[in-house]
Amino acid sequence: MNELHSQFHQAANDVRQRKERPDNDTLLALYGLYKQALEGDVHDCEPTSFFDFIGTAKQEAWARLKGVPQEEAMRQYIALVRQLLD
């Protein structure tokens, strides 16, 4: 595992250990960046229900990152986590 991957996984662990819950917009940004970093561009799956507002918001957060290289998503995720922890 290279340094970027190590920093990414450490940031993911650090943010889970954080006592304060980030606001919803930040949570969605973290989710989208995390998914983009691990899986690349969003898949064509839609949330299972029209009333699944959380699932829809998560899917949209990830879809906004379409085309962002996985390594860049990792860097952005790490930077966002560092902002939260400072």
PDB file of N, CA and C in Angstrom:
ATOM      1  N   MET A   1       0.854  -1.183   0.000  1.00  0.00           N
ATOM      2  CA  MET A   1       0.000   0.000   0.000  1.00  0.00           C
ATOM      3  C   MET A   1       0.898   1.245   0.000  1.00  0.00           C
ATOM      4  N   ASN A   2       0.593   2.190  -0.867  1.00  0.00           N
ATOM      5  CA  ASN A   2       1.439   3.381  -0.932  1.00  0.00           C
ATOM      6  C   ASN A   2       1.035   4.409   0.125  1.00  0.00           C
ATOM      7  N   GLU A   3       1.800   5.470   0.214  1.00  0.00           N
ATOM      8  CA  GLU A   3       1.605   6.503   1.238  1.00  0.00           C
ATOM      9  C   GLU A   3       0.221   7.154   1.144  1.00  0.00           C
ATOM     10  N   LEU A   4      -0.232   7.461  -0.066  1.00  0.00           N
ATOM     11  CA  LEU A   4      -1.541   8.097  -0.231  1.00  0.00           C
ATOM     12  C   LEU A   4      -2.653   7.195   0.299  1.00  0.00           C
ATOM     13  N   HIS A   5      -2.590   5.917  -0.030  1.00  0.00           N
ATOM     14  CA  HIS A   5      -3.603   4.977   0.451  1.00  0.00           C
ATOM     15  C   HIS A   5      -3.565   4.875   1.978  1.00  0.00           C
ATOM     16  N   SER A   6      -2.382   4.867   2.537  1.00  0.00           N
ATOM     17  CA  SER A   6      -2.246   4.810   3.999  1.00  0.00           C
ATOM     18  C   SER A   6      -2.856   6.040   4.654  1.00  0.00           C
ATOM     19  N   GLN A   7      -2.563   7.222   4.090  1.00  0.00           N
ATOM     20  CA  GLN A   7      -3.120   8.461   4.633  1.00  0.00           C
ATOM     21  C   GLN A   7      -4.641   8.484   4.502  1.00  0.00           C
ATOM     22  N   PHE A   8      -5.143   7.978   3.381  1.00  0.00           N
ATOM     23  CA  PHE A   8      -6.589   7.935   3.147  1.00  0.00           C
ATOM     24  C   PHE A   8      -7.272   7.051   4.200  1.00  0.00           C
ATOM     25  N   HIS A   9      -6.738   5.857   4.396  1.00  0.00           N
ATOM     26  CA  HIS A   9      -7.347   4.945   5.365  1.00  0.00           C
ATOM     27  C   HIS A   9      -7.214   5.474   6.791  1.00  0.00           C
ATOM     28  N   GLN A  10      -6.124   6.149   7.082  1.00  0.00           N
ATOM     29  CA  GLN A  10      -5.965   6.762   8.397  1.00  0.00           C
ATOM     30  C   GLN A  10      -6.986   7.886   8.586  1.00  0.00           C
ATOM     31  N   ALA A  11      -7.194   8.687   7.553  1.00  0.00           N
ATOM     32  CA  ALA A  11      -8.179   9.771   7.631  1.00  0.00           C
ATOM     33  C   ALA A  11      -9.574   9.197   7.861  1.00  0.00           C
ATOM     34  N   ALA A  12      -9.897   8.090   7.172  1.00  0.00           N
ATOM     35  CA  ALA A  12     -11.207   7.456   7.357  1.00  0.00           C
ATOM     36  C   ALA A  12     -11.370   6.983   8.803  1.00  0.00           C
ATOM     37  N   ASN A  13     -10.328   6.410   9.369  1.00  0.00           N
ATOM     38  CA  ASN A  13     -10.383   5.991  10.774  1.00  0.00           C
ATOM     39  C   ASN A  13     -10.502   7.181  11.704  1.00  0.00           C
ATOM     40  N   ASP A  14      -9.742   8.232  11.431  1.00  0.00           N
ATOM     41  CA  ASP A  14      -9.759   9.426  12.272  1.00  0.00           C
ATOM     42  C   ASP A  14     -11.133  10.074  12.303  1.00  0.00           C
ATOM     43  N   VAL A  15     -11.781  10.162  11.154  1.00  0.00           N
ATOM     44  CA  VAL A  15     -13.079  10.831  11.107  1.00  0.00           C
ATOM     45  C   VAL A  15     -14.142   9.994  11.833  1.00  0.00           C
ATOM     46  N   ARG A  16     -14.001   8.681  11.813  1.00  0.00           N
ATOM     47  CA  ARG A  16     -14.937   7.826  12.553  1.00  0.00           C
ATOM     48  C   ARG A  16     -14.776   7.992  14.059  1.00  0.00           C
ATOM     49  N   GLN A  17     -13.579   8.324  14.504  1.00  0.00           N
ATOM     50  CA  GLN A  17     -13.300   8.483  15.937  1.00  0.00           C
ATOM     51  C   GLN A  17     -13.684   9.863  16.464  1.00  0.00           C
ATOM     52  N   ARG A  18     -13.987  10.770  15.557  1.00  0.00           N
ATOM     53  CA  ARG A  18     -14.322  12.147  15.935  1.00  0.00           C
ATOM     54  C   ARG A  18     -15.579  12.150  16.785  1.00  0.00           C
ATOM     55  N   LYS A  19     -15.575  12.896  17.868  1.00  0.00           N
ATOM     56  CA  LYS A  19     -16.721  12.912  18.785  1.00  0.00           C
ATOM     57  C   LYS A  19     -17.884  13.731  18.242  1.00  0.00           C
ATOM     58  N   GLU A  20     -17.579  14.850  17.608  1.00  0.00           N
ATOM     59  CA  GLU A  20     -18.642  15.706  17.066  1.00  0.00           C
ATOM     60  C   GLU A  20     -19.043  15.216  15.686  1.00  0.00           C
ATOM     61  N   ARG A  21     -20.338  15.188  15.462  1.00  0.00           N
ATOM     62  CA  ARG A  21     -20.856  14.779  14.152  1.00  0.00           C
ATOM     63  C   ARG A  21     -20.806  15.979  13.210  1.00  0.00           C
ATOM     64  N   PRO A  22     -20.213  15.809  12.024  1.00  0.00           N
ATOM     65  CA  PRO A  22     -20.189  16.917  11.051  1.00  0.00           C
ATOM     66  C   PRO A  22     -21.613  17.244  10.578  1.00  0.00           C
ATOM     67  N   ASP A  23     -21.776  18.416  10.007  1.00  0.00           N
ATOM     68  CA  ASP A  23     -23.084  18.785   9.453  1.00  0.00           C
ATOM     69  C   ASP A  23     -23.388  17.902   8.241  1.00  0.00           C
ATOM     70  N   ASN A  24     -24.641  17.902   7.816  1.00  0.00           N
ATOM     71  CA  ASN A  24     -25.085  17.017   6.737  1.00  0.00           C
ATOM     72  C   ASN A  24     -24.339  17.245   5.428  1.00  0.00           C
ATOM     73  N   ASP A  25     -24.073  18.499   5.087  1.00  0.00           N
ATOM     74  CA  ASP A  25     -23.352  18.781   3.842  1.00  0.00           C
ATOM     75  C   ASP A  25     -21.944  18.186   3.878  1.00  0.00           C
ATOM     76  N   THR A  26     -21.293  18.289   5.017  1.00  0.00           N
ATOM     77  CA  THR A  26     -19.951  17.731   5.161  1.00  0.00           C
ATOM     78  C   THR A  26     -20.003  16.206   5.116  1.00  0.00           C
ATOM     79  N   LEU A  27     -21.001  15.625   5.760  1.00  0.00           N
ATOM     80  CA  LEU A  27     -21.155  14.168   5.712  1.00  0.00           C
ATOM     81  C   LEU A  27     -21.345  13.679   4.278  1.00  0.00           C
ATOM     82  N   LEU A  28     -22.147  14.397   3.513  1.00  0.00           N
ATOM     83  CA  LEU A  28     -22.363  14.015   2.115  1.00  0.00           C
ATOM     84  C   LEU A  28     -21.083  14.165   1.294  1.00  0.00           C
ATOM     85  N   ALA A  29     -20.332  15.228   1.557  1.00  0.00           N
ATOM     86  CA  ALA A  29     -19.055  15.422   0.848  1.00  0.00           C
ATOM     87  C   ALA A  29     -18.093  14.281   1.187  1.00  0.00           C
ATOM     88  N   LEU A  30     -18.023  13.924   2.460  1.00  0.00           N
ATOM     89  CA  LEU A  30     -17.166  12.817   2.874  1.00  0.00           C
ATOM     90  C   LEU A  30     -17.596  11.515   2.203  1.00  0.00           C
ATOM     91  N   TYR A  31     -18.892  11.272   2.186  1.00  0.00           N
ATOM     92  CA  TYR A  31     -19.407  10.047   1.571  1.00  0.00           C
ATOM     93  C   TYR A  31     -19.040   9.987   0.091  1.00  0.00           C
ATOM     94  N   GLY A  32     -19.316  11.076  -0.633  1.00  0.00           N
ATOM     95  CA  GLY A  32     -19.037  11.101  -2.066  1.00  0.00           C
ATOM     96  C   GLY A  32     -17.565  10.897  -2.369  1.00  0.00           C
ATOM     97  N   LEU A  33     -16.711  11.588  -1.624  1.00  0.00           N
ATOM     98  CA  LEU A  33     -15.272  11.450  -1.839  1.00  0.00           C
ATOM     99  C   LEU A  33     -14.784  10.048  -1.492  1.00  0.00           C
ATOM    100  N   TYR A  34     -15.317   9.483  -0.420  1.00  0.00           N
ATOM    101  CA  TYR A  34     -14.921   8.138  -0.010  1.00  0.00           C
ATOM    102  C   TYR A  34     -15.285   7.114  -1.084  1.00  0.00           C
ATOM    103  N   LYS A  35     -16.519   7.191  -1.570  1.00  0.00           N
ATOM    104  CA  LYS A  35     -16.973   6.253  -2.601  1.00  0.00           C
ATOM    105  C   LYS A  35     -16.182   6.439  -3.895  1.00  0.00           C
ATOM    106  N   GLN A  36     -15.946   7.690  -4.276  1.00  0.00           N
ATOM    107  CA  GLN A  36     -15.189   7.964  -5.503  1.00  0.00           C
ATOM    108  C   GLN A  36     -13.761   7.432  -5.366  1.00  0.00           C
ATOM    109  N   ALA A  37     -13.181   7.611  -4.191  1.00  0.00           N
ATOM    110  CA  ALA A  37     -11.814   7.150  -3.959  1.00  0.00           C
ATOM    111  C   ALA A  37     -11.711   5.628  -4.032  1.00  0.00           C
ATOM    112  N   LEU A  38     -12.699   4.942  -3.509  1.00  0.00           N
ATOM    113  CA  LEU A  38     -12.630   3.476  -3.471  1.00  0.00           C
ATOM    114  C   LEU A  38     -13.174   2.797  -4.716  1.00  0.00           C
ATOM    115  N   GLU A  39     -14.235   3.353  -5.297  1.00  0.00           N
ATOM    116  CA  GLU A  39     -14.919   2.656  -6.385  1.00  0.00           C
ATOM    117  C   GLU A  39     -14.856   3.365  -7.731  1.00  0.00           C
ATOM    118  N   GLY A  40     -14.434   4.618  -7.738  1.00  0.00           N
ATOM    119  CA  GLY A  40     -14.434   5.371  -8.992  1.00  0.00           C
ATOM    120  C   GLY A  40     -15.825   5.934  -9.259  1.00  0.00           C
ATOM    121  N   ASP A  41     -16.123   6.173 -10.516  1.00  0.00           N
ATOM    122  CA  ASP A  41     -17.386   6.818 -10.877  1.00  0.00           C
ATOM    123  C   ASP A  41     -18.597   6.031 -10.397  1.00  0.00           C
ATOM    124  N   VAL A  42     -19.634   6.794 -10.056  1.00  0.00           N
ATOM    125  CA  VAL A  42     -20.878   6.222  -9.549  1.00  0.00           C
ATOM    126  C   VAL A  42     -21.463   5.221 -10.536  1.00  0.00           C
ATOM    127  N   HIS A  43     -22.075   4.188  -9.975  1.00  0.00           N
ATOM    128  CA  HIS A  43     -22.741   3.180 -10.779  1.00  0.00           C
ATOM    129  C   HIS A  43     -24.150   3.675 -11.104  1.00  0.00           C
ATOM    130  N   ASP A  44     -24.800   3.024 -12.020  1.00  0.00           N
ATOM    131  CA  ASP A  44     -26.125   3.465 -12.440  1.00  0.00           C
ATOM    132  C   ASP A  44     -27.244   3.030 -11.513  1.00  0.00           C
ATOM    133  N   CYS A  45     -26.916   2.510 -10.345  1.00  0.00           N
ATOM    134  CA  CYS A  45     -27.981   2.075  -9.445  1.00  0.00           C
ATOM    135  C   CYS A  45     -28.620   3.286  -8.766  1.00  0.00           C
ATOM    136  N   GLU A  46     -29.903   3.242  -8.659  1.00  0.00           N
ATOM    137  CA  GLU A  46     -30.670   4.295  -8.007  1.00  0.00           C
ATOM    138  C   GLU A  46     -31.096   3.808  -6.624  1.00  0.00           C
ATOM    139  N   PRO A  47     -31.410   4.719  -5.716  1.00  0.00           N
ATOM    140  CA  PRO A  47     -31.954   4.286  -4.430  1.00  0.00           C
ATOM    141  C   PRO A  47     -33.217   3.440  -4.652  1.00  0.00           C
ATOM    142  N   THR A  48     -33.497   2.564  -3.726  1.00  0.00           N
ATOM    143  CA  THR A  48     -34.590   1.611  -3.896  1.00  0.00           C
ATOM    144  C   THR A  48     -35.968   2.242  -3.840  1.00  0.00           C
ATOM    145  N   SER A  49     -36.097   3.401  -3.282  1.00  0.00           N
ATOM    146  CA  SER A  49     -37.407   4.018  -3.126  1.00  0.00           C
ATOM    147  C   SER A  49     -37.324   5.518  -3.395  1.00  0.00           C
ATOM    148  N   PHE A  50     -38.395   6.038  -3.962  1.00  0.00           N
ATOM    149  CA  PHE A  50     -38.487   7.478  -4.178  1.00  0.00           C
ATOM    150  C   PHE A  50     -38.373   8.220  -2.852  1.00  0.00           C
ATOM    151  N   PHE A  51     -38.834   7.591  -1.782  1.00  0.00           N
ATOM    152  CA  PHE A  51     -38.837   8.231  -0.467  1.00  0.00           C
ATOM    153  C   PHE A  51     -37.547   8.003   0.314  1.00  0.00           C
ATOM    154  N   ASP A  52     -36.554   7.402  -0.332  1.00  0.00           N
ATOM    155  CA  ASP A  52     -35.253   7.200   0.290  1.00  0.00           C
ATOM    156  C   ASP A  52     -34.417   8.464   0.076  1.00  0.00           C
ATOM    157  N   PHE A  53     -34.742   9.499   0.845  1.00  0.00           N
ATOM    158  CA  PHE A  53     -34.096  10.794   0.663  1.00  0.00           C
ATOM    159  C   PHE A  53     -32.611  10.759   0.993  1.00  0.00           C
ATOM    160  N   ILE A  54     -32.246  10.000   2.012  1.00  0.00           N
ATOM    161  CA  ILE A  54     -30.840   9.906   2.393  1.00  0.00           C
ATOM    162  C   ILE A  54     -30.054   9.184   1.301  1.00  0.00           C
ATOM    163  N   GLY A  55     -30.595   8.067   0.824  1.00  0.00           N
ATOM    164  CA  GLY A  55     -29.927   7.327  -0.243  1.00  0.00           C
ATOM    165  C   GLY A  55     -29.774   8.154  -1.503  1.00  0.00           C
ATOM    166  N   THR A  56     -30.820   8.923  -1.823  1.00  0.00           N
ATOM    167  CA  THR A  56     -30.769   9.791  -3.001  1.00  0.00           C
ATOM    168  C   THR A  56     -29.708  10.869  -2.831  1.00  0.00           C
ATOM    169  N   ALA A  57     -29.643  11.483  -1.658  1.00  0.00           N
ATOM    170  CA  ALA A  57     -28.650  12.535  -1.400  1.00  0.00           C
ATOM    171  C   ALA A  57     -27.237  11.972  -1.487  1.00  0.00           C
ATOM    172  N   LYS A  58     -27.038  10.775  -0.960  1.00  0.00           N
ATOM    173  CA  LYS A  58     -25.717  10.145  -1.027  1.00  0.00           C
ATOM    174  C   LYS A  58     -25.331   9.852  -2.472  1.00  0.00           C
ATOM    175  N   GLN A  59     -26.272   9.299  -3.221  1.00  0.00           N
ATOM    176  CA  GLN A  59     -26.011   8.973  -4.628  1.00  0.00           C
ATOM    177  C   GLN A  59     -25.662  10.240  -5.416  1.00  0.00           C
ATOM    178  N   GLU A  60     -26.384  11.326  -5.154  1.00  0.00           N
ATOM    179  CA  GLU A  60     -26.118  12.589  -5.849  1.00  0.00           C
ATOM    180  C   GLU A  60     -24.756  13.162  -5.460  1.00  0.00           C
ATOM    181  N   ALA A  61     -24.385  13.043  -4.180  1.00  0.00           N
ATOM    182  CA  ALA A  61     -23.074  13.539  -3.728  1.00  0.00           C
ATOM    183  C   ALA A  61     -21.951  12.804  -4.439  1.00  0.00           C
ATOM    184  N   TRP A  62     -22.121  11.517  -4.614  1.00  0.00           N
ATOM    185  CA  TRP A  62     -21.121  10.709  -5.311  1.00  0.00           C
ATOM    186  C   TRP A  62     -21.118  11.032  -6.802  1.00  0.00           C
ATOM    187  N   ALA A  63     -22.301  11.177  -7.391  1.00  0.00           N
ATOM    188  CA  ALA A  63     -22.411  11.448  -8.833  1.00  0.00           C
ATOM    189  C   ALA A  63     -21.767  12.779  -9.215  1.00  0.00           C
ATOM    190  N   ARG A  64     -21.795  13.757  -8.314  1.00  0.00           N
ATOM    191  CA  ARG A  64     -21.176  15.064  -8.606  1.00  0.00           C
ATOM    192  C   ARG A  64     -19.664  14.944  -8.810  1.00  0.00           C
ATOM    193  N   LEU A  65     -19.089  13.855  -8.350  1.00  0.00           N
ATOM    194  CA  LEU A  65     -17.638  13.663  -8.460  1.00  0.00           C
ATOM    195  C   LEU A  65     -17.250  12.831  -9.679  1.00  0.00           C
ATOM    196  N   LYS A  66     -18.200  12.548 -10.530  1.00  0.00           N
ATOM    197  CA  LYS A  66     -17.924  11.732 -11.715  1.00  0.00           C
ATOM    198  C   LYS A  66     -16.765  12.338 -12.510  1.00  0.00           C
ATOM    199  N   GLY A  67     -15.808  11.502 -12.852  1.00  0.00           N
ATOM    200  CA  GLY A  67     -14.653  11.953 -13.615  1.00  0.00           C
ATOM    201  C   GLY A  67     -13.453  12.336 -12.773  1.00  0.00           C
ATOM    202  N   VAL A  68     -13.649  12.500 -11.463  1.00  0.00           N
ATOM    203  CA  VAL A  68     -12.519  12.814 -10.583  1.00  0.00           C
ATOM    204  C   VAL A  68     -11.709  11.530 -10.391  1.00  0.00           C
ATOM    205  N   PRO A  69     -10.414  11.569 -10.684  1.00  0.00           N
ATOM    206  CA  PRO A  69      -9.587  10.375 -10.490  1.00  0.00           C
ATOM    207  C   PRO A  69      -9.615   9.919  -9.024  1.00  0.00           C
ATOM    208  N   GLN A  70      -9.506   8.629  -8.819  1.00  0.00           N
ATOM    209  CA  GLN A  70      -9.590   8.083  -7.471  1.00  0.00           C
ATOM    210  C   GLN A  70      -8.528   8.659  -6.540  1.00  0.00           C
ATOM    211  N   GLU A  71      -7.324   8.857  -7.039  1.00  0.00           N
ATOM    212  CA  GLU A  71      -6.262   9.410  -6.202  1.00  0.00           C
ATOM    213  C   GLU A  71      -6.568  10.855  -5.794  1.00  0.00           C
ATOM    214  N   GLU A  72      -7.160  11.610  -6.706  1.00  0.00           N
ATOM    215  CA  GLU A  72      -7.542  12.989  -6.380  1.00  0.00           C
ATOM    216  C   GLU A  72      -8.656  13.000  -5.339  1.00  0.00           C
ATOM    217  N   ALA A  73      -9.598  12.087  -5.451  1.00  0.00           N
ATOM    218  CA  ALA A  73     -10.663  11.982  -4.447  1.00  0.00           C
ATOM    219  C   ALA A  73     -10.070  11.650  -3.084  1.00  0.00           C
ATOM    220  N   MET A  74      -9.050  10.798  -3.063  1.00  0.00           N
ATOM    221  CA  MET A  74      -8.375  10.485  -1.803  1.00  0.00           C
ATOM    222  C   MET A  74      -7.743  11.733  -1.203  1.00  0.00           C
ATOM    223  N   ARG A  75      -7.062  12.501  -2.053  1.00  0.00           N
ATOM    224  CA  ARG A  75      -6.409  13.734  -1.560  1.00  0.00           C
ATOM    225  C   ARG A  75      -7.448  14.709  -1.002  1.00  0.00           C
ATOM    226  N   GLN A  76      -8.553  14.881  -1.707  1.00  0.00           N
ATOM    227  CA  GLN A  76      -9.610  15.794  -1.248  1.00  0.00           C
ATOM    228  C   GLN A  76     -10.243  15.301   0.053  1.00  0.00           C
ATOM    229  N   TYR A  77     -10.424  13.997   0.159  1.00  0.00           N
ATOM    230  CA  TYR A  77     -10.986  13.410   1.377  1.00  0.00           C
ATOM    231  C   TYR A  77     -10.059  13.674   2.563  1.00  0.00           C
ATOM    232  N   ILE A  78      -8.780  13.412   2.372  1.00  0.00           N
ATOM    233  CA  ILE A  78      -7.788  13.634   3.426  1.00  0.00           C
ATOM    234  C   ILE A  78      -7.792  15.102   3.856  1.00  0.00           C
ATOM    235  N   ALA A  79      -7.825  16.011   2.888  1.00  0.00           N
ATOM    236  CA  ALA A  79      -7.823  17.443   3.199  1.00  0.00           C
ATOM    237  C   ALA A  79      -9.075  17.830   3.990  1.00  0.00           C
ATOM    238  N   LEU A  80     -10.225  17.301   3.614  1.00  0.00           N
ATOM    239  CA  LEU A  80     -11.471  17.626   4.307  1.00  0.00           C
ATOM    240  C   LEU A  80     -11.438  17.091   5.738  1.00  0.00           C
ATOM    241  N   VAL A  81     -10.944  15.895   5.925  1.00  0.00           N
ATOM    242  CA  VAL A  81     -10.836  15.329   7.269  1.00  0.00           C
ATOM    243  C   VAL A  81      -9.891  16.163   8.122  1.00  0.00           C
ATOM    244  N   ARG A  82      -8.790  16.584   7.534  1.00  0.00           N
ATOM    245  CA  ARG A  82      -7.834  17.411   8.291  1.00  0.00           C
ATOM    246  C   ARG A  82      -8.474  18.720   8.727  1.00  0.00           C
ATOM    247  N   GLN A  83      -9.294  19.312   7.844  1.00  0.00           N
ATOM    248  CA  GLN A  83     -10.019  20.543   8.216  1.00  0.00           C
ATOM    249  C   GLN A  83     -10.930  20.287   9.404  1.00  0.00           C
ATOM    250  N   LEU A  84     -11.614  19.171   9.384  1.00  0.00           N
ATOM    251  CA  LEU A  84     -12.536  18.837  10.467  1.00  0.00           C
ATOM    252  C   LEU A  84     -11.816  18.622  11.795  1.00  0.00           C
ATOM    253  N   LEU A  85     -10.629  18.065  11.720  1.00  0.00           N
ATOM    254  CA  LEU A  85      -9.907  17.730  12.950  1.00  0.00           C
ATOM    255  C   LEU A  85      -9.118  18.898  13.525  1.00  0.00           C
ATOM    256  N   ASP A  86      -8.920  19.945  12.737  1.00  0.00           N
ATOM    257  CA  ASP A  86      -8.165  21.122  13.232  1.00  0.00           C
ATOM    258  C   ASP A  86      -9.012  22.003  14.102  1.00  0.00           C
TER     259      ASP A  86
END
